[in-house]
Each structure stands twice: as structure tokens, then as C-alpha cells.
């Protein structure tokens, strides 16, 4: 299982039940019921994050905010989400990873 810092960098859709439980507890102070389905847990955590993943298109980043963020430590590029936009260690970039 990944630690909390790693979880903040991956999409909720890729987390397993244990990771979703840890992320919800650490980030939002919320308990989730791991007896529920993985899809249900992902929906619950995405609602906590204000993302609403349930078969909806991801909203475009508001004007003035980057669409992509780059981790300067490992060079990975991420689609900007409300959660990732709060992180001060990620840098705005374009889809190819070029800093803007």
C-alpha cells in the first residue's frame, strides 16, 4: 500500500479500498465503510473531494488555473484536479511537461 504523500498524487479511480480509506481519513477526517463496493467507495471519496466521479465528464479547470501540473522531484505530469491544485510543490506545465 502506498503512503499518504503518494496517494495525493494518484487519481481516486486508481486507489484500492485500503488506499481510499487512508486517503479519506487523512485528507478529510472521514471514515468510509470498506464493506461497500470499490466503486461506491470511490464515489464517496470523490464527493468528499468535490470531484463527483460518477459517470460525469471532468470539469475544465477554471480560467487562470493550469490544466496540468508537474512534480519537480520525479518529473511526472498530472491532470490538474481541485485536490492537486492545492499542493504547493507541483508546478504548472503543459501536457508534455514543459513548465509554463
C-alpha atoms as a PDB file:
ATOM      1  CA  UNK A   1       0.000   0.000   0.000  1.00  0.00           C
ATOM      2  CA  UNK A   2       1.209   3.491  -0.826  1.00  0.00           C
ATOM      3  CA  UNK A   3       1.720   6.120   1.859  1.00  0.00           C
ATOM      4  CA  UNK A   4      -0.420   9.259   2.100  1.00  0.00           C
ATOM      5  CA  UNK A   5       2.004  11.510   0.177  1.00  0.00           C
ATOM      6  CA  UNK A   6       1.942   9.105  -2.769  1.00  0.00           C
ATOM      7  CA  UNK A   7      -1.860   8.836  -2.621  1.00  0.00           C
ATOM      8  CA  UNK A   8      -2.241  12.593  -3.088  1.00  0.00           C
ATOM      9  CA  UNK A   9      -0.575  12.200  -6.483  1.00  0.00           C
ATOM     10  CA  UNK A  10      -2.722   9.431  -7.942  1.00  0.00           C
ATOM     11  CA  UNK A  11      -6.310   9.652  -9.182  1.00  0.00           C
ATOM     12  CA  UNK A  12      -9.057   8.325  -6.914  1.00  0.00           C
ATOM     13  CA  UNK A  13     -10.063   5.956  -9.754  1.00  0.00           C
ATOM     14  CA  UNK A  14      -6.750   4.090  -9.298  1.00  0.00           C
ATOM     15  CA  UNK A  15      -6.899   3.655  -5.492  1.00  0.00           C
ATOM     16  CA  UNK A  16      -7.867   0.350  -3.869  1.00  0.00           C
ATOM     17  CA  UNK A  17     -10.125   0.057  -0.801  1.00  0.00           C
ATOM     18  CA  UNK A  18      -7.318   0.381   1.756  1.00  0.00           C
ATOM     19  CA  UNK A  19      -5.888   3.418  -0.018  1.00  0.00           C
ATOM     20  CA  UNK A  20      -9.314   5.057  -0.274  1.00  0.00           C
ATOM     21  CA  UNK A  21      -9.859   4.510   3.446  1.00  0.00           C
ATOM     22  CA  UNK A  22      -6.466   6.030   4.347  1.00  0.00           C
ATOM     23  CA  UNK A  23      -6.921   8.961   1.954  1.00  0.00           C
ATOM     24  CA  UNK A  24     -10.430   9.809   3.260  1.00  0.00           C
ATOM     25  CA  UNK A  25      -9.242   9.608   6.872  1.00  0.00           C
ATOM     26  CA  UNK A  26      -6.031  11.632   6.405  1.00  0.00           C
ATOM     27  CA  UNK A  27      -7.322  14.251   3.954  1.00  0.00           C
ATOM     28  CA  UNK A  28     -10.907  14.781   5.161  1.00  0.00           C
ATOM     29  CA  UNK A  29     -11.101  13.144   8.603  1.00  0.00           C
ATOM     30  CA  UNK A  30     -13.892  10.914   7.270  1.00  0.00           C
ATOM     31  CA  UNK A  31     -14.461   7.216   7.855  1.00  0.00           C
ATOM     32  CA  UNK A  32     -15.572   5.094   4.907  1.00  0.00           C
ATOM     33  CA  UNK A  33     -17.132   1.645   5.102  1.00  0.00           C
ATOM     34  CA  UNK A  34     -14.798  -0.791   3.327  1.00  0.00           C
ATOM     35  CA  UNK A  35     -17.586  -3.378   3.215  1.00  0.00           C
ATOM     36  CA  UNK A  36     -19.120  -1.394   0.359  1.00  0.00           C
ATOM     37  CA  UNK A  37     -18.086  -1.910  -3.255  1.00  0.00           C
ATOM     38  CA  UNK A  38     -14.925  -0.335  -4.611  1.00  0.00           C
ATOM     39  CA  UNK A  39     -16.991   1.840  -6.973  1.00  0.00           C
ATOM     40  CA  UNK A  40     -19.156   3.038  -4.065  1.00  0.00           C
ATOM     41  CA  UNK A  41     -16.053   3.928  -2.023  1.00  0.00           C
ATOM     42  CA  UNK A  42     -14.580   5.833  -4.973  1.00  0.00           C
ATOM     43  CA  UNK A  43     -17.836   7.781  -5.332  1.00  0.00           C
ATOM     44  CA  UNK A  44     -17.848   8.555  -1.600  1.00  0.00           C
ATOM     45  CA  UNK A  45     -14.262   9.821  -1.580  1.00  0.00           C
ATOM     46  CA  UNK A  46     -14.723  11.786  -4.809  1.00  0.00           C
ATOM     47  CA  UNK A  47     -17.726  13.536  -3.254  1.00  0.00           C
ATOM     48  CA  UNK A  48     -15.565  14.428  -0.245  1.00  0.00           C
ATOM     49  CA  UNK A  49     -13.008  15.843  -2.673  1.00  0.00           C
ATOM     50  CA  UNK A  50     -15.711  17.700  -4.594  1.00  0.00           C
ATOM     51  CA  UNK A  51     -14.953  15.792  -7.786  1.00  0.00           C
ATOM     52  CA  UNK A  52     -18.118  13.712  -8.314  1.00  0.00           C
ATOM     53  CA  UNK A  53     -16.674  10.910 -10.463  1.00  0.00           C
ATOM     54  CA  UNK A  54     -19.932   9.074 -11.156  1.00  0.00           C
ATOM     55  CA  UNK A  55     -20.024   8.869 -14.971  1.00  0.00           C
ATOM     56  CA  UNK A  56     -19.598  12.607 -15.362  1.00  0.00           C
ATOM     57  CA  UNK A  57     -17.104  14.402 -17.541  1.00  0.00           C
ATOM     58  CA  UNK A  58     -14.332  16.043 -15.573  1.00  0.00           C
ATOM     59  CA  UNK A  59     -14.935  19.789 -15.377  1.00  0.00           C
ATOM     60  CA  UNK A  60     -12.441  22.011 -17.140  1.00  0.00           C
ATOM     61  CA  UNK A  61     -10.041  23.939 -14.958  1.00  0.00           C
ATOM     62  CA  UNK A  62     -11.324  27.449 -14.250  1.00  0.00           C
ATOM     63  CA  UNK A  63      -9.688  30.221 -16.231  1.00  0.00           C
ATOM     64  CA  UNK A  64      -6.374  31.257 -14.744  1.00  0.00           C
ATOM     65  CA  UNK A  65      -5.602  27.812 -13.352  1.00  0.00           C
ATOM     66  CA  UNK A  66      -3.297  25.328 -15.065  1.00  0.00           C
ATOM     67  CA  UNK A  67      -4.713  22.215 -16.698  1.00  0.00           C
ATOM     68  CA  UNK A  68      -1.555  20.200 -15.987  1.00  0.00           C
ATOM     69  CA  UNK A  69       0.847  20.000 -13.036  1.00  0.00           C
ATOM     70  CA  UNK A  70       4.364  18.593 -12.867  1.00  0.00           C
ATOM     71  CA  UNK A  71       6.109  17.046  -9.885  1.00  0.00           C
ATOM     72  CA  UNK A  72       9.610  18.593  -9.974  1.00  0.00           C
ATOM     73  CA  UNK A  73      11.083  15.707  -7.987  1.00  0.00           C
ATOM     74  CA  UNK A  74      10.192  12.848 -10.325  1.00  0.00           C
ATOM     75  CA  UNK A  75       9.033  14.714 -13.459  1.00  0.00           C
ATOM     76  CA  UNK A  76       5.579  13.100 -13.562  1.00  0.00           C
ATOM     77  CA  UNK A  77       2.789  15.157 -15.142  1.00  0.00           C
ATOM     78  CA  UNK A  78      -0.762  15.105 -13.749  1.00  0.00           C
ATOM     79  CA  UNK A  79      -4.083  16.448 -14.986  1.00  0.00           C
ATOM     80  CA  UNK A  80      -4.947  19.266 -12.575  1.00  0.00           C
ATOM     81  CA  UNK A  81      -7.722  18.436 -10.101  1.00  0.00           C
ATOM     82  CA  UNK A  82      -9.038  20.586  -7.239  1.00  0.00           C
ATOM     83  CA  UNK A  83      -7.050  18.440  -4.806  1.00  0.00           C
ATOM     84  CA  UNK A  84      -3.792  18.670  -6.750  1.00  0.00           C
ATOM     85  CA  UNK A  85      -4.210  22.417  -7.306  1.00  0.00           C
ATOM     86  CA  UNK A  86      -3.952  22.846  -3.520  1.00  0.00           C
ATOM     87  CA  UNK A  87      -0.472  21.326  -3.484  1.00  0.00           C
ATOM     88  CA  UNK A  88       2.245  23.949  -3.491  1.00  0.00           C
ATOM     89  CA  UNK A  89       5.034  21.563  -4.546  1.00  0.00           C
ATOM     90  CA  UNK A  90       3.558  20.881  -8.023  1.00  0.00           C
ATOM     91  CA  UNK A  91       4.392  23.244 -10.869  1.00  0.00           C
ATOM     92  CA  UNK A  92       2.082  24.375 -13.699  1.00  0.00           C
ATOM     93  CA  UNK A  93       3.009  22.889 -17.061  1.00  0.00           C
ATOM     94  CA  UNK A  94       1.553  21.866 -20.401  1.00  0.00           C
ATOM     95  CA  UNK A  95       0.528  18.303 -21.262  1.00  0.00           C
ATOM     96  CA  UNK A  96       4.062  17.442 -22.400  1.00  0.00           C
ATOM     97  CA  UNK A  97       5.557  18.594 -19.068  1.00  0.00           C
ATOM     98  CA  UNK A  98       7.077  21.874 -20.278  1.00  0.00           C
ATOM     99  CA  UNK A  99       6.785  24.421 -17.498  1.00  0.00           C
ATOM    100  CA  UNK A 100       4.568  27.428 -18.182  1.00  0.00           C
END
